[in-house]
Amino acid sequence: MAEYRVLIADGNQQFRHMTAEFFKTDKDIIRVEEASDGQAALEKLRAEKFDVLITELVMPKLDGLDLLEQLRIEAVNSPGIIIMVS
């Protein structure tokens, strides 16, 4: 049985919470974290490993594309699955 850690980065609090609640119902997902902007997401990714990143394209402080670029440059705990929404 696979176990996944999911990070949801989105400036819209309602979308973030709704998506997090959806993923928390899946028995294979052991951890769901939220970040309200790209910078907060980057800090969480620096601190721990996530299997899935769901990120918004337009966010405060650091947008989704810049977040992905930073992950590539720093070669930090890059998730295996990245989903970008707009």
Protein backbone atom coordinates (compact mmCIF):
# COMPACT_ATOMS: atom_id res chain seq x y z
CA MET A 1 0.00 0.00 0.00
CA ALA A 2 1.38 3.38 -1.04
CA GLU A 3 1.42 6.30 1.36
CA TYR A 4 1.47 9.87 0.07
CA ARG A 5 2.26 13.27 1.50
CA VAL A 6 0.43 16.13 -0.25
CA LEU A 7 1.19 19.87 -0.18
CA ILE A 8 -1.46 22.28 -1.44
CA ALA A 9 -0.19 25.78 -2.27
CA ASP A 10 -2.95 28.22 -3.15
CA GLY A 11 -3.74 31.81 -2.25
CA ASN A 12 -7.46 31.05 -2.05
CA GLN A 13 -8.16 29.79 1.47
CA GLN A 14 -11.51 28.21 0.57
CA PHE A 15 -10.05 26.21 -2.34
CA ARG A 16 -7.07 25.15 -0.21
CA HIS A 17 -9.20 23.89 2.66
CA MET A 18 -11.73 22.18 0.38
CA THR A 19 -8.96 20.38 -1.51
CA ALA A 20 -7.20 19.41 1.71
CA GLU A 21 -10.40 17.96 3.16
CA PHE A 22 -10.94 15.94 -0.02
CA PHE A 23 -7.46 14.42 0.15
CA LYS A 24 -7.74 13.67 3.88
CA THR A 25 -10.52 11.18 3.10
CA ASP A 26 -8.14 8.98 1.06
CA LYS A 27 -6.63 6.18 3.17
CA ASP A 28 -3.40 6.22 1.13
CA ILE A 29 -2.69 9.86 2.01
CA ILE A 30 -0.94 10.09 5.36
CA ARG A 31 -0.28 13.83 5.47
CA VAL A 32 -1.86 16.92 3.91
CA GLU A 33 -0.28 20.34 4.40
CA GLU A 34 -1.36 23.75 3.16
CA ALA A 35 0.56 26.87 2.14
CA SER A 36 -1.09 30.21 1.43
CA ASP A 37 1.62 31.44 -0.95
CA GLY A 38 4.57 30.24 -2.98
CA GLN A 39 7.18 31.30 -0.43
CA ALA A 40 5.48 29.35 2.35
CA ALA A 41 5.24 26.32 0.04
CA LEU A 42 8.95 26.55 -0.77
CA GLU A 43 9.83 26.67 2.93
CA LYS A 44 7.69 23.57 3.60
CA LEU A 45 9.33 21.76 0.69
CA ARG A 46 12.77 22.67 2.02
CA ALA A 47 11.83 21.27 5.42
CA GLU A 48 10.26 17.96 4.42
CA LYS A 49 9.53 15.60 1.56
CA PHE A 50 6.12 15.67 -0.17
CA ASP A 51 5.06 13.20 -2.85
CA VAL A 52 2.49 15.50 -4.47
CA LEU A 53 2.45 19.29 -4.91
CA ILE A 54 -0.74 21.00 -6.00
CA THR A 55 0.05 24.63 -6.72
CA GLU A 56 -1.80 27.60 -8.08
CA LEU A 57 -0.27 29.50 -10.97
CA VAL A 58 -0.86 32.97 -9.49
CA MET A 59 -0.01 33.36 -5.79
CA PRO A 60 1.33 36.08 -3.53
CA LYS A 61 5.06 36.39 -2.72
CA LEU A 62 6.16 33.67 -5.17
CA ASP A 63 3.97 32.46 -8.03
CA GLY A 64 3.62 28.84 -9.13
CA LEU A 65 6.12 29.07 -12.00
CA ASP A 66 8.72 30.76 -9.80
CA LEU A 67 8.13 28.12 -7.15
CA LEU A 68 8.87 25.36 -9.67
CA GLU A 69 11.95 27.23 -10.89
CA GLN A 70 13.26 27.52 -7.31
CA LEU A 71 12.70 23.81 -6.76
CA ARG A 72 14.69 23.08 -9.91
CA ILE A 73 17.53 25.45 -8.96
CA GLU A 74 17.81 24.32 -5.35
CA ALA A 75 17.19 20.63 -6.07
CA VAL A 76 15.34 20.44 -2.74
CA ASN A 77 12.76 17.80 -1.88
CA SER A 78 11.03 17.99 -5.26
CA PRO A 79 7.72 16.12 -5.31
CA GLY A 80 7.34 13.34 -7.86
CA ILE A 81 3.91 14.64 -8.90
CA ILE A 82 3.22 18.33 -9.51
CA ILE A 83 -0.22 19.59 -10.46
CA MET A 84 -0.63 23.25 -11.42
CA VAL A 85 -4.05 24.88 -11.31
CA SER A 86 -5.16 28.34 -12.33
